[in-house]
Amino acid sequence: MPEHGVDVPVWHGPDSEESGNVSAAELAALGVSLPLVERLRAWAEGWDHDPVTGSPLGQFRPGSPLTVRLARHLQSELTGHRIHLHTGDGPRPVEEWAG
């Protein structure tokens, strides 16, 4: 889920003992590759700023093809966890998204 000023747009889920966002170091400790962490950071930076409108560009919105691909890649590297994408109605598992 995106959030202004967050380095990596990954959050602990509702069933986690932890809360808040997951740091890059935590992701690395869980086995997420550095290239994927960097792609997540780039996505967060793209979401955080559109120089024209100040709003997220469409390609960085939750549910966009880019976002779904990143979530699926994260799911493939975190096989022991279930990855969800944020929606206006709450989290939705990545396997339910088309794209």
Protein backbone atom coordinates (compact mmCIF):
# COMPACT_ATOMS: atom_id res chain seq x y z
CA MET A 1 0.00 0.00 0.00
CA PRO A 2 1.39 3.41 -0.85
CA GLU A 3 1.92 6.09 1.76
CA HIS A 4 3.71 9.44 1.52
CA GLY A 5 7.24 9.32 2.88
CA VAL A 6 7.43 5.50 3.19
CA ASP A 7 10.64 3.98 1.79
CA VAL A 8 9.17 0.60 0.81
CA PRO A 9 5.37 0.33 0.30
CA VAL A 10 4.97 -2.98 2.14
CA TRP A 11 3.01 -3.32 5.37
CA HIS A 12 2.47 -5.98 8.00
CA GLY A 13 -0.88 -7.66 7.49
CA PRO A 14 -3.82 -7.81 9.87
CA ASP A 15 -2.81 -11.26 11.17
CA SER A 16 0.77 -10.20 11.90
CA GLU A 17 2.18 -9.71 15.37
CA GLU A 18 3.88 -6.62 13.96
CA SER A 19 2.27 -3.40 12.76
CA GLY A 20 3.22 -0.58 10.42
CA ASN A 21 5.31 -0.72 7.32
CA VAL A 22 8.01 -3.30 6.64
CA SER A 23 11.51 -1.91 6.21
CA ALA A 24 13.88 -2.83 3.41
CA ALA A 25 16.09 -4.56 5.99
CA GLU A 26 13.14 -6.67 7.19
CA LEU A 27 12.31 -7.64 3.61
CA ALA A 28 15.94 -8.63 2.98
CA ALA A 29 15.96 -10.70 6.18
CA LEU A 30 12.86 -12.52 4.90
CA GLY A 31 14.69 -13.34 1.65
CA VAL A 32 13.41 -10.63 -0.68
CA SER A 33 16.02 -9.86 -3.33
CA LEU A 34 17.71 -6.46 -3.46
CA PRO A 35 16.52 -5.87 -7.06
CA LEU A 36 12.90 -6.31 -5.94
CA VAL A 37 13.40 -4.02 -2.94
CA GLU A 38 14.78 -1.39 -5.33
CA ARG A 39 11.80 -1.84 -7.69
CA LEU A 40 9.43 -1.40 -4.74
CA ARG A 41 11.29 1.77 -3.74
CA ALA A 42 11.07 3.11 -7.29
CA TRP A 43 7.33 2.34 -7.32
CA ALA A 44 6.88 4.23 -4.03
CA GLU A 45 8.81 7.21 -5.41
CA GLY A 46 6.70 7.21 -8.57
CA TRP A 47 3.49 7.00 -6.56
CA ASP A 48 4.61 9.74 -4.20
CA HIS A 49 5.04 12.44 -6.81
CA ASP A 50 3.65 13.55 -10.12
CA PRO A 51 5.38 16.86 -10.92
CA VAL A 52 2.35 18.15 -12.84
CA THR A 53 -0.60 17.34 -10.57
CA GLY A 54 1.00 16.25 -7.31
CA SER A 55 -1.12 13.08 -7.55
CA PRO A 56 -0.01 9.51 -8.19
CA LEU A 57 0.40 8.62 -11.86
CA GLY A 58 -2.02 5.94 -13.04
CA GLN A 59 0.69 3.32 -13.49
CA PHE A 60 1.48 3.55 -9.75
CA ARG A 61 -2.06 3.23 -8.43
CA PRO A 62 -3.05 0.04 -6.59
CA GLY A 63 -4.46 -2.43 -9.10
CA SER A 64 -2.50 -1.08 -12.06
CA PRO A 65 -0.66 -3.74 -14.11
CA LEU A 66 2.71 -2.55 -12.74
CA THR A 67 1.47 -2.75 -9.16
CA VAL A 68 -0.01 -6.22 -9.65
CA ARG A 69 3.24 -7.47 -11.25
CA LEU A 70 5.28 -6.15 -8.30
CA ALA A 71 2.90 -7.75 -5.80
CA ARG A 72 3.09 -11.07 -7.64
CA HIS A 73 6.87 -10.89 -7.72
CA LEU A 74 6.88 -10.17 -3.98
CA GLN A 75 4.54 -13.14 -3.44
CA SER A 76 6.91 -15.39 -5.39
CA GLU A 77 9.80 -14.37 -3.12
CA LEU A 78 7.76 -14.60 0.10
CA THR A 79 6.14 -17.99 -0.33
CA GLY A 80 5.38 -18.30 3.39
CA HIS A 81 3.35 -15.09 3.40
CA ARG A 82 0.17 -13.96 1.68
CA ILE A 83 0.46 -10.68 -0.23
CA HIS A 84 -2.53 -8.35 -0.54
CA LEU A 85 -3.08 -5.15 -2.52
CA HIS A 86 -4.83 -2.21 -0.95
CA THR A 87 -8.26 -1.26 -2.28
CA GLY A 88 -10.83 1.29 -1.16
CA ASP A 89 -12.69 -1.63 0.40
CA GLY A 90 -9.65 -3.02 2.23
CA PRO A 91 -6.93 -5.54 1.35
CA ARG A 92 -7.44 -8.04 -1.46
CA PRO A 93 -5.15 -11.07 -2.11
CA VAL A 94 -2.89 -10.60 -5.12
CA GLU A 95 -4.06 -13.85 -6.70
CA GLU A 96 -7.54 -12.32 -7.08
CA TRP A 97 -6.26 -9.46 -9.26
CA ALA A 98 -6.32 -9.67 -13.04
CA GLY A 99 -3.40 -8.18 -14.89
